[in-house]
Amino acid sequence: MIQFDFIVENPPGLVLHFSSILKRHGELTERLSRDSDKTVFERLQREFEAARASQTQEICLDGEQWNDGLLATIRERVHVEAERKAMQLPGETTAVTNLPFHEKITYRVGNKMICCLEGARIGIQYETSFAGEPCELFHCILESKSFLEKMTVIEHTIPFFLPIREAENDFLSSNAMKFIDYVGVLLQAYVDRREQVRLIKELYGNQIGELYFSLPYHMIEFVLADFNCKVTVSLRYADLLSTLPSVVSVLAWPIQQPKKSWTGAGQLNRKDYGTLGRQAIPARLLYAEDALRTMSLPEGLTRFMELLQSLSCLFLFYGHDLCW
């Protein structure tokens, strides 16, 4: 450990400043030591498992059953339970009788499990899936100092590049239910886009020469180079809630002169196809763009690859738009 010695004469406010730093350092050290062997995810997952193990009832909600009134009831439960524990003396096991007894209930709403955690906290566990198979779990912990105060996000396992703080500022103080639902859609859309990319790598890893994507997978670009032409695909999603792209560009670039590539019967018509001696420019593949815009990435790419393999690259060497 490195030790620093300071020699300062009459430092106004310096003692308080360093006292604050040491206090924060101690809190950070305690938190790091607590999580040194287990990740935040593992610790929160244990809390949720304990909450489920101690539950007296699990209620599945659908449609209008999930509403602001129910969320207010959940908030009341966590504060009553926190108050009950605060009124118990250390070592006391008898229940506090002047507070109403509440069952320990967990709620399921779509891909969300909502439960009451220790310390007046509400825990939301998000269960994501892809193609009907379960994927990752994410957690978000909400807390408020009292029933009347607004809730805040105190801990979560949501990827840092997803706008959880922006969602908290936009929704949580005014509509907590909307915040909880929004985060669920946000996480599911992210996992869906990510898994689509993973699947095309598995299916077409040999044909995909280059692949680039942003952390939230809302910008994706890749190159198909296993043909007589080089095809570049670019996808842009309108927002982080989308699972289908809003902007698609598919361009086919020739990698050799058309005259050398022509092996079919008949003669080329210069009037129809232009002068072959020029340097070829990319062709825009509208059919492929439509497929990728309206289907999931693996489905659209499969449809496009089947067609690309069946066509001669001769028709890809000209600069006009092709509708095929």
C-alpha atoms as a PDB file:
ATOM      1  CA  MET A   1       0.000   0.000   0.000  1.00  0.00           C
ATOM      2  CA  ILE A   2       1.298   3.455  -0.923  1.00  0.00           C
ATOM      3  CA  GLN A   3       1.216   6.002   1.880  1.00  0.00           C
ATOM      4  CA  PHE A   4       1.264   9.767   1.343  1.00  0.00           C
ATOM      5  CA  ASP A   5       2.452  12.168   4.049  1.00  0.00           C
ATOM      6  CA  PHE A   6       1.195  15.749   3.834  1.00  0.00           C
ATOM      7  CA  ILE A   7       2.776  18.649   5.696  1.00  0.00           C
ATOM      8  CA  VAL A   8       0.390  21.569   5.539  1.00  0.00           C
ATOM      9  CA  GLU A   9       0.238  24.540   7.880  1.00  0.00           C
ATOM     10  CA  ASN A  10      -3.200  25.888   8.822  1.00  0.00           C
ATOM     11  CA  PRO A  11      -5.131  24.279   5.941  1.00  0.00           C
ATOM     12  CA  PRO A  12      -8.659  25.752   6.075  1.00  0.00           C
ATOM     13  CA  GLY A  13     -11.228  23.052   5.309  1.00  0.00           C
ATOM     14  CA  LEU A  14      -8.534  20.574   4.328  1.00  0.00           C
ATOM     15  CA  VAL A  15      -9.158  18.282   7.295  1.00  0.00           C
ATOM     16  CA  LEU A  16     -12.850  18.042   6.496  1.00  0.00           C
ATOM     17  CA  HIS A  17     -12.039  17.454   2.830  1.00  0.00           C
ATOM     18  CA  PHE A  18      -9.682  14.558   3.536  1.00  0.00           C
ATOM     19  CA  SER A  19     -12.065  13.192   6.135  1.00  0.00           C
ATOM     20  CA  SER A  20     -14.736  13.010   3.466  1.00  0.00           C
ATOM     21  CA  ILE A  21     -12.328  11.300   1.063  1.00  0.00           C
ATOM     22  CA  LEU A  22     -11.341   8.730   3.689  1.00  0.00           C
ATOM     23  CA  LYS A  23     -14.987   8.039   4.455  1.00  0.00           C
ATOM     24  CA  ARG A  24     -15.785   7.482   0.789  1.00  0.00           C
ATOM     25  CA  HIS A  25     -12.664   5.335   0.449  1.00  0.00           C
ATOM     26  CA  GLY A  26     -13.830   3.179   3.358  1.00  0.00           C
ATOM     27  CA  GLU A  27     -17.285   2.748   1.850  1.00  0.00           C
ATOM     28  CA  LEU A  28     -15.772   1.834  -1.510  1.00  0.00           C
ATOM     29  CA  THR A  29     -13.368  -0.634   0.104  1.00  0.00           C
ATOM     30  CA  GLU A  30     -16.251  -2.308   1.924  1.00  0.00           C
ATOM     31  CA  ARG A  31     -18.291  -2.578  -1.270  1.00  0.00           C
ATOM     32  CA  LEU A  32     -15.367  -3.927  -3.285  1.00  0.00           C
ATOM     33  CA  SER A  33     -14.539  -6.488  -0.606  1.00  0.00           C
ATOM     34  CA  ARG A  34     -18.183  -7.518  -0.486  1.00  0.00           C
ATOM     35  CA  ASP A  35     -18.285  -8.046  -4.252  1.00  0.00           C
ATOM     36  CA  SER A  36     -14.699  -9.179  -4.717  1.00  0.00           C
ATOM     37  CA  ASP A  37     -15.569 -12.867  -5.062  1.00  0.00           C
ATOM     38  CA  LYS A  38     -19.096 -12.563  -6.490  1.00  0.00           C
ATOM     39  CA  THR A  39     -20.344 -10.216  -9.122  1.00  0.00           C
ATOM     40  CA  VAL A  40     -23.204  -7.825  -8.582  1.00  0.00           C
ATOM     41  CA  PHE A  41     -25.308 -10.089 -10.769  1.00  0.00           C
ATOM     42  CA  GLU A  42     -24.669 -13.123  -8.588  1.00  0.00           C
ATOM     43  CA  ARG A  43     -25.402 -11.194  -5.410  1.00  0.00           C
ATOM     44  CA  LEU A  44     -28.676  -9.792  -6.736  1.00  0.00           C
ATOM     45  CA  GLN A  45     -29.642 -13.160  -8.177  1.00  0.00           C
ATOM     46  CA  ARG A  46     -29.268 -14.695  -4.722  1.00  0.00           C
ATOM     47  CA  GLU A  47     -31.540 -11.994  -3.316  1.00  0.00           C
ATOM     48  CA  PHE A  48     -34.223 -12.752  -5.873  1.00  0.00           C
ATOM     49  CA  GLU A  49     -33.932 -16.479  -5.271  1.00  0.00           C
ATOM     50  CA  ALA A  50     -34.285 -15.896  -1.519  1.00  0.00           C
ATOM     51  CA  ALA A  51     -37.340 -13.720  -2.114  1.00  0.00           C
ATOM     52  CA  ARG A  52     -38.947 -16.431  -4.211  1.00  0.00           C
ATOM     53  CA  ALA A  53     -38.090 -19.103  -1.643  1.00  0.00           C
ATOM     54  CA  SER A  54     -39.786 -17.119   1.136  1.00  0.00           C
ATOM     55  CA  GLN A  55     -42.829 -16.103  -0.882  1.00  0.00           C
ATOM     56  CA  THR A  56     -46.279 -17.181   0.226  1.00  0.00           C
ATOM     57  CA  GLN A  57     -47.867 -16.581  -3.162  1.00  0.00           C
ATOM     58  CA  GLU A  58     -46.960 -15.902  -6.803  1.00  0.00           C
ATOM     59  CA  ILE A  59     -49.457 -13.954  -8.868  1.00  0.00           C
ATOM     60  CA  CYS A  60     -49.374 -13.785 -12.669  1.00  0.00           C
ATOM     61  CA  LEU A  61     -50.782 -10.523 -13.977  1.00  0.00           C
ATOM     62  CA  ASP A  62     -52.160  -9.873 -17.415  1.00  0.00           C
ATOM     63  CA  GLY A  63     -53.362  -6.760 -19.202  1.00  0.00           C
ATOM     64  CA  GLU A  64     -55.165  -4.302 -16.955  1.00  0.00           C
ATOM     65  CA  GLN A  65     -54.219  -6.213 -13.796  1.00  0.00           C
ATOM     66  CA  TRP A  66     -50.801  -4.579 -14.051  1.00  0.00           C
ATOM     67  CA  ASN A  67     -51.525  -0.937 -13.204  1.00  0.00           C
ATOM     68  CA  ASP A  68     -50.469   2.007 -11.053  1.00  0.00           C
ATOM     69  CA  GLY A  69     -52.704   0.887  -8.198  1.00  0.00           C
ATOM     70  CA  LEU A  70     -50.945  -2.462  -7.903  1.00  0.00           C
ATOM     71  CA  LEU A  71     -47.536  -0.805  -8.007  1.00  0.00           C
ATOM     72  CA  ALA A  72     -48.651   1.505  -5.184  1.00  0.00           C
ATOM     73  CA  THR A  73     -49.665  -1.577  -3.184  1.00  0.00           C
ATOM     74  CA  ILE A  74     -46.224  -3.114  -3.722  1.00  0.00           C
ATOM     75  CA  ARG A  75     -44.572   0.105  -2.558  1.00  0.00           C
ATOM     76  CA  GLU A  76     -46.741   0.126   0.556  1.00  0.00           C
ATOM     77  CA  ARG A  77     -45.791  -3.462   1.332  1.00  0.00           C
ATOM     78  CA  VAL A  78     -42.050  -2.826   1.208  1.00  0.00           C
ATOM     79  CA  HIS A  79     -42.307   0.233   3.475  1.00  0.00           C
ATOM     80  CA  VAL A  80     -44.542  -1.533   5.999  1.00  0.00           C
ATOM     81  CA  GLU A  81     -42.116  -4.456   6.128  1.00  0.00           C
ATOM     82  CA  ALA A  82     -39.144  -2.106   6.532  1.00  0.00           C
ATOM     83  CA  GLU A  83     -40.950  -0.282   9.344  1.00  0.00           C
ATOM     84  CA  ARG A  84     -41.778  -3.577  11.030  1.00  0.00           C
ATOM     85  CA  LYS A  85     -38.132  -4.632  11.036  1.00  0.00           C
ATOM     86  CA  ALA A  86     -37.028  -1.204  12.280  1.00  0.00           C
ATOM     87  CA  MET A  87     -39.374  -1.470  15.304  1.00  0.00           C
ATOM     88  CA  GLN A  88     -38.060  -4.877  16.332  1.00  0.00           C
ATOM     89  CA  LEU A  89     -35.328  -4.930  18.943  1.00  0.00           C
ATOM     90  CA  PRO A  90     -32.068  -6.760  18.178  1.00  0.00           C
ATOM     91  CA  GLY A  91     -32.579 -10.468  18.743  1.00  0.00           C
ATOM     92  CA  GLU A  92     -36.337 -10.144  19.018  1.00  0.00           C
ATOM     93  CA  THR A  93     -38.241 -12.747  17.044  1.00  0.00           C
ATOM     94  CA  THR A  94     -41.845 -11.880  17.898  1.00  0.00           C
ATOM     95  CA  ALA A  95     -43.762  -9.923  15.290  1.00  0.00           C
ATOM     96  CA  VAL A  96     -44.753  -6.315  15.770  1.00  0.00           C
ATOM     97  CA  THR A  97     -48.500  -6.526  16.290  1.00  0.00           C
ATOM     98  CA  ASN A  98     -49.533  -2.927  15.657  1.00  0.00           C
ATOM     99  CA  LEU A  99     -48.613  -3.146  11.959  1.00  0.00           C
ATOM    100  CA  PRO A 100     -50.739  -5.045   9.447  1.00  0.00           C
ATOM    101  CA  PHE A 101     -49.385  -8.402   8.276  1.00  0.00           C
ATOM    102  CA  HIS A 102     -48.669  -8.683   4.560  1.00  0.00           C
ATOM    103  CA  GLU A 103     -48.073 -11.892   2.667  1.00  0.00           C
ATOM    104  CA  LYS A 104     -44.822 -12.198   0.768  1.00  0.00           C
ATOM    105  CA  ILE A 105     -46.006 -12.091  -2.810  1.00  0.00           C
ATOM    106  CA  THR A 106     -44.072 -12.057  -6.057  1.00  0.00           C
ATOM    107  CA  TYR A 107     -45.705 -10.831  -9.254  1.00  0.00           C
ATOM    108  CA  ARG A 108     -45.136 -11.940 -12.825  1.00  0.00           C
ATOM    109  CA  VAL A 109     -45.939  -9.517 -15.633  1.00  0.00           C
ATOM    110  CA  GLY A 110     -44.858 -10.714 -19.063  1.00  0.00           C
ATOM    111  CA  ASN A 111     -41.082 -11.122 -18.955  1.00  0.00           C
ATOM    112  CA  LYS A 112     -40.811  -9.396 -15.546  1.00  0.00           C
ATOM    113  CA  MET A 113     -40.788 -10.743 -12.010  1.00  0.00           C
ATOM    114  CA  ILE A 114     -41.433  -8.113  -9.326  1.00  0.00           C
ATOM    115  CA  CYS A 115     -40.829  -8.741  -5.642  1.00  0.00           C
ATOM    116  CA  CYS A 116     -40.208  -6.962  -2.347  1.00  0.00           C
ATOM    117  CA  LEU A 117     -36.611  -6.987  -1.120  1.00  0.00           C
ATOM    118  CA  GLU A 118     -35.049  -6.096   2.219  1.00  0.00           C
ATOM    119  CA  GLY A 119     -34.585  -2.426   3.026  1.00  0.00           C
ATOM    120  CA  ALA A 120     -37.702  -0.945   1.406  1.00  0.00           C
ATOM    121  CA  ARG A 121     -36.562  -1.953  -2.065  1.00  0.00           C
ATOM    122  CA  ILE A 122     -38.544  -3.186  -5.032  1.00  0.00           C
ATOM    123  CA  GLY A 123     -36.723  -5.664  -7.256  1.00  0.00           C
ATOM    124  CA  ILE A 124     -37.525  -6.271 -10.915  1.00  0.00           C
ATOM    125  CA  GLN A 125     -35.990  -9.252 -12.681  1.00  0.00           C
ATOM    126  CA  TYR A 126     -36.213  -9.174 -16.468  1.00  0.00           C
ATOM    127  CA  GLU A 127     -36.183 -12.493 -18.310  1.00  0.00           C
ATOM    128  CA  THR A 128     -35.184 -12.165 -21.954  1.00  0.00           C
ATOM    129  CA  SER A 129     -35.531 -14.757 -24.707  1.00  0.00           C
ATOM    130  CA  PHE A 130     -34.774 -15.393 -28.360  1.00  0.00           C
ATOM    131  CA  ALA A 131     -36.638 -17.704 -30.734  1.00  0.00           C
ATOM    132  CA  GLY A 132     -38.591 -19.085 -27.783  1.00  0.00           C
ATOM    133  CA  GLU A 133     -35.476 -19.972 -25.788  1.00  0.00           C
ATOM    134  CA  PRO A 134     -34.512 -18.183 -22.531  1.00  0.00           C
ATOM    135  CA  CYS A 135     -31.492 -15.903 -22.660  1.00  0.00           C
ATOM    136  CA  GLU A 136     -30.114 -13.523 -20.043  1.00  0.00           C
ATOM    137  CA  LEU A 137     -31.540 -12.258 -16.778  1.00  0.00           C
ATOM    138  CA  PHE A 138     -31.244  -8.595 -15.819  1.00  0.00           C
ATOM    139  CA  HIS A 139     -32.040  -6.876 -12.534  1.00  0.00           C
ATOM    140  CA  CYS A 140     -33.179  -3.402 -11.554  1.00  0.00           C
ATOM    141  CA  ILE A 141     -33.573  -2.333  -7.912  1.00  0.00           C
ATOM    142  CA  LEU A 142     -35.814   0.619  -6.994  1.00  0.00           C
ATOM    143  CA  GLU A 143     -35.870   2.413  -3.668  1.00  0.00           C
ATOM    144  CA  SER A 144     -37.630   5.361  -2.041  1.00  0.00           C
ATOM    145  CA  LYS A 145     -37.031   6.843   1.403  1.00  0.00           C
ATOM    146  CA  SER A 146     -40.752   6.944   2.111  1.00  0.00           C
ATOM    147  CA  PHE A 147     -44.014   5.991   0.440  1.00  0.00           C
ATOM    148  CA  LEU A 148     -44.545   9.606  -0.645  1.00  0.00           C
ATOM    149  CA  GLU A 149     -41.103  10.170  -2.134  1.00  0.00           C
ATOM    150  CA  LYS A 150     -40.201   9.289  -5.702  1.00  0.00           C
ATOM    151  CA  MET A 151     -38.364   6.068  -6.393  1.00  0.00           C
ATOM    152  CA  THR A 152     -34.819   5.927  -7.713  1.00  0.00           C
ATOM    153  CA  VAL A 153     -32.667   3.241  -9.324  1.00  0.00           C
ATOM    154  CA  ILE A 154     -30.053   2.292  -6.748  1.00  0.00           C
ATOM    155  CA  GLU A 155     -28.583  -0.768  -8.450  1.00  0.00           C
ATOM    156  CA  HIS A 156     -28.943  -2.725 -11.661  1.00  0.00           C
ATOM    157  CA  THR A 157     -27.253  -5.215 -13.969  1.00  0.00           C
ATOM    158  CA  ILE A 158     -28.354  -3.537 -17.198  1.00  0.00           C
ATOM    159  CA  PRO A 159     -25.539  -2.967 -19.746  1.00  0.00           C
ATOM    160  CA  PHE A 160     -23.994   0.466 -19.336  1.00  0.00           C
ATOM    161  CA  PHE A 161     -24.578   1.447 -22.976  1.00  0.00           C
ATOM    162  CA  LEU A 162     -28.370   1.184 -22.642  1.00  0.00           C
ATOM    163  CA  PRO A 163     -29.997   4.468 -21.502  1.00  0.00           C
ATOM    164  CA  ILE A 164     -31.217   3.384 -18.059  1.00  0.00           C
ATOM    165  CA  ARG A 165     -30.488   6.784 -16.451  1.00  0.00           C
ATOM    166  CA  GLU A 166     -32.267   8.648 -19.224  1.00  0.00           C
ATOM    167  CA  ALA A 167     -35.280   6.370 -18.758  1.00  0.00           C
ATOM    168  CA  GLU A 168     -35.162   7.003 -15.017  1.00  0.00           C
ATOM    169  CA  ASN A 169     -35.207  10.753 -15.561  1.00  0.00           C
ATOM    170  CA  ASP A 170     -37.951  10.594 -18.182  1.00  0.00           C
ATOM    171  CA  PHE A 171     -40.359   8.123 -16.593  1.00  0.00           C
ATOM    172  CA  LEU A 172     -39.618   6.965 -13.066  1.00  0.00           C
ATOM    173  CA  SER A 173     -40.619  10.080 -11.129  1.00  0.00           C
ATOM    174  CA  SER A 174     -43.862  10.558 -13.067  1.00  0.00           C
ATOM    175  CA  ASN A 175     -44.870   7.029 -14.087  1.00  0.00           C
ATOM    176  CA  ALA A 176     -42.982   4.167 -12.442  1.00  0.00           C
ATOM    177  CA  MET A 177     -45.021   1.518 -14.231  1.00  0.00           C
ATOM    178  CA  LYS A 178     -44.102   3.009 -17.600  1.00  0.00           C
ATOM    179  CA  PHE A 179     -40.439   2.991 -16.573  1.00  0.00           C
ATOM    180  CA  ILE A 180     -40.561  -0.686 -15.579  1.00  0.00           C
ATOM    181  CA  ASP A 181     -42.277  -1.665 -18.847  1.00  0.00           C
ATOM    182  CA  TYR A 182     -39.955   0.488 -20.958  1.00  0.00           C
ATOM    183  CA  VAL A 183     -36.839  -1.137 -19.502  1.00  0.00           C
ATOM    184  CA  GLY A 184     -38.309  -4.566 -20.225  1.00  0.00           C
ATOM    185  CA  VAL A 185     -38.898  -3.708 -23.884  1.00  0.00           C
ATOM    186  CA  LEU A 186     -35.460  -2.072 -24.111  1.00  0.00           C
ATOM    187  CA  LEU A 187     -33.669  -5.169 -22.795  1.00  0.00           C
ATOM    188  CA  GLN A 188     -35.638  -7.618 -24.924  1.00  0.00           C
ATOM    189  CA  ALA A 189     -34.989  -5.594 -28.092  1.00  0.00           C
ATOM    190  CA  TYR A 190     -31.254  -5.418 -27.302  1.00  0.00           C
ATOM    191  CA  VAL A 191     -31.020  -9.176 -26.735  1.00  0.00           C
ATOM    192  CA  ASP A 192     -33.033  -9.819 -29.900  1.00  0.00           C
ATOM    193  CA  ARG A 193     -30.700  -7.716 -32.077  1.00  0.00           C
ATOM    194  CA  ARG A 194     -27.608  -9.225 -30.456  1.00  0.00           C
ATOM    195  CA  GLU A 195     -28.817 -12.792 -30.922  1.00  0.00           C
ATOM    196  CA  GLN A 196     -29.698 -12.123 -34.558  1.00  0.00           C
ATOM    197  CA  VAL A 197     -26.091 -11.089 -35.161  1.00  0.00           C
ATOM    198  CA  ARG A 198     -24.803 -14.124 -33.277  1.00  0.00           C
ATOM    199  CA  LEU A 199     -26.979 -16.403 -35.403  1.00  0.00           C
ATOM    200  CA  ILE A 200     -25.830 -15.040 -38.761  1.00  0.00           C
ATOM    201  CA  LYS A 201     -22.226 -15.510 -37.603  1.00  0.00           C
ATOM    202  CA  GLU A 202     -23.024 -19.145 -36.884  1.00  0.00           C
ATOM    203  CA  LEU A 203     -24.882 -19.678 -40.150  1.00  0.00           C
ATOM    204  CA  TYR A 204     -22.717 -17.636 -42.525  1.00  0.00           C
ATOM    205  CA  GLY A 205     -19.402 -17.181 -40.751  1.00  0.00           C
ATOM    206  CA  ASN A 206     -17.473 -18.405 -43.786  1.00  0.00           C
ATOM    207  CA  GLN A 207     -19.182 -15.962 -46.155  1.00  0.00           C
ATOM    208  CA  ILE A 208     -19.042 -12.931 -43.861  1.00  0.00           C
ATOM    209  CA  GLY A 209     -15.649 -11.357 -44.340  1.00  0.00           C
ATOM    210  CA  GLU A 210     -16.059  -8.312 -42.114  1.00  0.00           C
ATOM    211  CA  LEU A 211     -18.600  -7.579 -39.396  1.00  0.00           C
ATOM    212  CA  TYR A 212     -19.021  -4.371 -37.417  1.00  0.00           C
ATOM    213  CA  PHE A 213     -21.693  -3.379 -34.911  1.00  0.00           C
ATOM    214  CA  SER A 214     -22.308  -0.867 -32.152  1.00  0.00           C
ATOM    215  CA  LEU A 215     -22.530  -1.993 -28.533  1.00  0.00           C
ATOM    216  CA  PRO A 216     -26.357  -1.862 -28.474  1.00  0.00           C
ATOM    217  CA  TYR A 217     -26.442  -3.509 -31.936  1.00  0.00           C
ATOM    218  CA  HIS A 218     -28.490  -0.645 -33.381  1.00  0.00           C
ATOM    219  CA  MET A 219     -25.920  -0.130 -36.169  1.00  0.00           C
ATOM    220  CA  ILE A 220     -24.729  -3.235 -38.019  1.00  0.00           C
ATOM    221  CA  GLU A 221     -22.512  -3.548 -41.098  1.00  0.00           C
ATOM    222  CA  PHE A 222     -20.993  -6.592 -42.727  1.00  0.00           C
ATOM    223  CA  VAL A 223     -19.456  -7.731 -45.999  1.00  0.00           C
ATOM    224  CA  LEU A 224     -20.225 -10.872 -48.007  1.00  0.00           C
ATOM    225  CA  ALA A 225     -17.240 -11.771 -50.160  1.00  0.00           C
ATOM    226  CA  ASP A 226     -17.691 -15.425 -51.079  1.00  0.00           C
ATOM    227  CA  PHE A 227     -19.033 -14.644 -54.561  1.00  0.00           C
ATOM    228  CA  ASN A 228     -17.887 -13.045 -57.833  1.00  0.00           C
ATOM    229  CA  CYS A 229     -18.806  -9.743 -56.241  1.00  0.00           C
ATOM    230  CA  LYS A 230     -18.411  -8.062 -52.869  1.00  0.00           C
ATOM    231  CA  VAL A 231     -21.702  -7.257 -51.144  1.00  0.00           C
ATOM    232  CA  THR A 232     -21.838  -4.663 -48.360  1.00  0.00           C
ATOM    233  CA  VAL A 233     -24.825  -4.623 -46.014  1.00  0.00           C
ATOM    234  CA  SER A 234     -25.625  -1.724 -43.675  1.00  0.00           C
ATOM    235  CA  LEU A 235     -28.478  -1.714 -41.143  1.00  0.00           C
ATOM    236  CA  ARG A 236     -29.675   1.177 -38.975  1.00  0.00           C
ATOM    237  CA  TYR A 237     -32.413   0.892 -36.360  1.00  0.00           C
ATOM    238  CA  ALA A 238     -34.722   3.826 -35.651  1.00  0.00           C
ATOM    239  CA  ASP A 239     -34.290   3.480 -31.880  1.00  0.00           C
ATOM    240  CA  LEU A 240     -33.150   1.031 -29.228  1.00  0.00           C
ATOM    241  CA  LEU A 241     -36.635  -0.491 -28.954  1.00  0.00           C
ATOM    242  CA  SER A 242     -36.625  -1.727 -32.566  1.00  0.00           C
ATOM    243  CA  THR A 243     -35.885  -5.272 -33.678  1.00  0.00           C
ATOM    244  CA  LEU A 244     -36.237  -4.556 -37.410  1.00  0.00           C
ATOM    245  CA  PRO A 245     -34.059  -1.947 -39.132  1.00  0.00           C
ATOM    246  CA  SER A 246     -35.548   1.245 -40.503  1.00  0.00           C
ATOM    247  CA  VAL A 247     -32.687   2.022 -42.918  1.00  0.00           C
ATOM    248  CA  VAL A 248     -31.104  -0.733 -45.020  1.00  0.00           C
ATOM    249  CA  SER A 249     -28.460  -0.466 -47.706  1.00  0.00           C
ATOM    250  CA  VAL A 250     -27.231  -3.439 -49.767  1.00  0.00           C
ATOM    251  CA  LEU A 251     -24.640  -2.763 -52.463  1.00  0.00           C
ATOM    252  CA  ALA A 252     -22.905  -5.243 -54.766  1.00  0.00           C
ATOM    253  CA  TRP A 253     -19.368  -4.302 -55.832  1.00  0.00           C
ATOM    254  CA  PRO A 254     -17.681  -6.160 -58.743  1.00  0.00           C
ATOM    255  CA  ILE A 255     -14.235  -7.498 -57.967  1.00  0.00           C
ATOM    256  CA  GLN A 256     -13.295  -8.224 -61.578  1.00  0.00           C
ATOM    257  CA  GLN A 257     -14.144  -6.854 -65.003  1.00  0.00           C
ATOM    258  CA  PRO A 258     -17.505  -8.007 -66.394  1.00  0.00           C
ATOM    259  CA  LYS A 259     -15.978  -9.261 -69.672  1.00  0.00           C
ATOM    260  CA  LYS A 260     -13.856 -11.706 -67.744  1.00  0.00           C
ATOM    261  CA  SER A 261     -16.809 -12.844 -65.680  1.00  0.00           C
ATOM    262  CA  TRP A 262     -19.203 -13.489 -68.563  1.00  0.00           C
ATOM    263  CA  THR A 263     -19.597 -17.214 -69.167  1.00  0.00           C
ATOM    264  CA  GLY A 264     -23.251 -17.351 -70.254  1.00  0.00           C
ATOM    265  CA  ALA A 265     -24.609 -17.891 -73.742  1.00  0.00           C
ATOM    266  CA  GLY A 266     -25.417 -15.057 -76.155  1.00  0.00           C
ATOM    267  CA  GLN A 267     -23.902 -11.633 -76.650  1.00  0.00           C
ATOM    268  CA  LEU A 268     -23.967  -8.570 -74.437  1.00  0.00           C
ATOM    269  CA  ASN A 269     -26.097  -5.658 -75.617  1.00  0.00           C
ATOM    270  CA  ARG A 270     -24.203  -2.396 -75.039  1.00  0.00           C
ATOM    271  CA  LYS A 271     -27.387  -0.387 -75.301  1.00  0.00           C
ATOM    272  CA  ASP A 272     -28.954  -2.316 -72.438  1.00  0.00           C
ATOM    273  CA  TYR A 273     -25.948  -2.818 -70.191  1.00  0.00           C
ATOM    274  CA  GLY A 274     -23.679   0.123 -70.915  1.00  0.00           C
ATOM    275  CA  THR A 275     -20.047   0.150 -71.859  1.00  0.00           C
ATOM    276  CA  LEU A 276     -18.230  -2.748 -70.213  1.00  0.00           C
ATOM    277  CA  GLY A 277     -14.901  -1.066 -70.522  1.00  0.00           C
ATOM    278  CA  ARG A 278     -15.730   1.459 -67.853  1.00  0.00           C
ATOM    279  CA  GLN A 279     -14.902   0.947 -64.249  1.00  0.00           C
ATOM    280  CA  ALA A 280     -17.949  -0.742 -62.753  1.00  0.00           C
ATOM    281  CA  ILE A 281     -19.930   0.929 -59.981  1.00  0.00           C
ATOM    282  CA  PRO A 282     -21.946  -0.848 -57.262  1.00  0.00           C
ATOM    283  CA  ALA A 283     -25.479  -1.998 -57.863  1.00  0.00           C
ATOM    284  CA  ARG A 284     -28.139  -1.436 -55.241  1.00  0.00           C
ATOM    285  CA  LEU A 285     -30.026  -4.639 -54.440  1.00  0.00           C
ATOM    286  CA  LEU A 286     -33.564  -3.531 -53.634  1.00  0.00           C
ATOM    287  CA  TYR A 287     -34.908  -7.036 -53.170  1.00  0.00           C
ATOM    288  CA  ALA A 288     -32.316  -7.738 -50.503  1.00  0.00           C
ATOM    289  CA  GLU A 289     -33.069  -4.424 -48.789  1.00  0.00           C
ATOM    290  CA  ASP A 290     -36.781  -5.232 -48.652  1.00  0.00           C
ATOM    291  CA  ALA A 291     -36.083  -8.684 -47.220  1.00  0.00           C
ATOM    292  CA  LEU A 292     -33.782  -7.362 -44.504  1.00  0.00           C
ATOM    293  CA  ARG A 293     -36.191  -4.531 -43.662  1.00  0.00           C
ATOM    294  CA  THR A 294     -39.231  -6.782 -43.200  1.00  0.00           C
ATOM    295  CA  MET A 295     -37.695  -9.983 -41.800  1.00  0.00           C
ATOM    296  CA  SER A 296     -35.383 -10.777 -38.947  1.00  0.00           C
ATOM    297  CA  LEU A 297     -31.711 -10.542 -39.895  1.00  0.00           C
ATOM    298  CA  PRO A 298     -31.130 -14.340 -40.173  1.00  0.00           C
ATOM    299  CA  GLU A 299     -34.341 -14.861 -42.204  1.00  0.00           C
ATOM    300  CA  GLY A 300     -33.716 -11.933 -44.531  1.00  0.00           C
ATOM    301  CA  LEU A 301     -30.087 -12.865 -45.062  1.00  0.00           C
ATOM    302  CA  THR A 302     -31.001 -16.478 -45.802  1.00  0.00           C
ATOM    303  CA  ARG A 303     -33.520 -15.350 -48.417  1.00  0.00           C
ATOM    304  CA  PHE A 304     -30.962 -12.992 -49.951  1.00  0.00           C
ATOM    305  CA  MET A 305     -28.136 -15.562 -49.973  1.00  0.00           C
ATOM    306  CA  GLU A 306     -30.286 -18.139 -51.732  1.00  0.00           C
ATOM    307  CA  LEU A 307     -31.078 -15.655 -54.480  1.00  0.00           C
ATOM    308  CA  LEU A 308     -27.536 -14.332 -54.704  1.00  0.00           C
ATOM    309  CA  GLN A 309     -26.133 -17.802 -55.221  1.00  0.00           C
ATOM    310  CA  SER A 310     -28.639 -18.512 -58.009  1.00  0.00           C
ATOM    311  CA  LEU A 311     -27.938 -15.362 -60.025  1.00  0.00           C
ATOM    312  CA  SER A 312     -25.038 -14.533 -62.245  1.00  0.00           C
ATOM    313  CA  CYS A 313     -22.948 -11.657 -60.918  1.00  0.00           C
ATOM    314  CA  LEU A 314     -23.073 -10.201 -64.420  1.00  0.00           C
ATOM    315  CA  PHE A 315     -26.251  -8.390 -63.439  1.00  0.00           C
ATOM    316  CA  LEU A 316     -24.599  -6.856 -60.395  1.00  0.00           C
ATOM    317  CA  PHE A 317     -21.975  -4.906 -62.277  1.00  0.00           C
ATOM    318  CA  TYR A 318     -24.038  -1.925 -63.359  1.00  0.00           C
ATOM    319  CA  GLY A 319     -24.875   1.255 -61.518  1.00  0.00           C
ATOM    320  CA  HIS A 320     -28.661   1.346 -61.972  1.00  0.00           C
ATOM    321  CA  ASP A 321     -30.957   0.067 -59.187  1.00  0.00           C
ATOM    322  CA  LEU A 322     -31.928  -3.543 -59.523  1.00  0.00           C
ATOM    323  CA  CYS A 323     -35.347  -4.791 -58.372  1.00  0.00           C
ATOM    324  CA  TRP A 324     -34.986  -8.533 -58.008  1.00  0.00           C
END
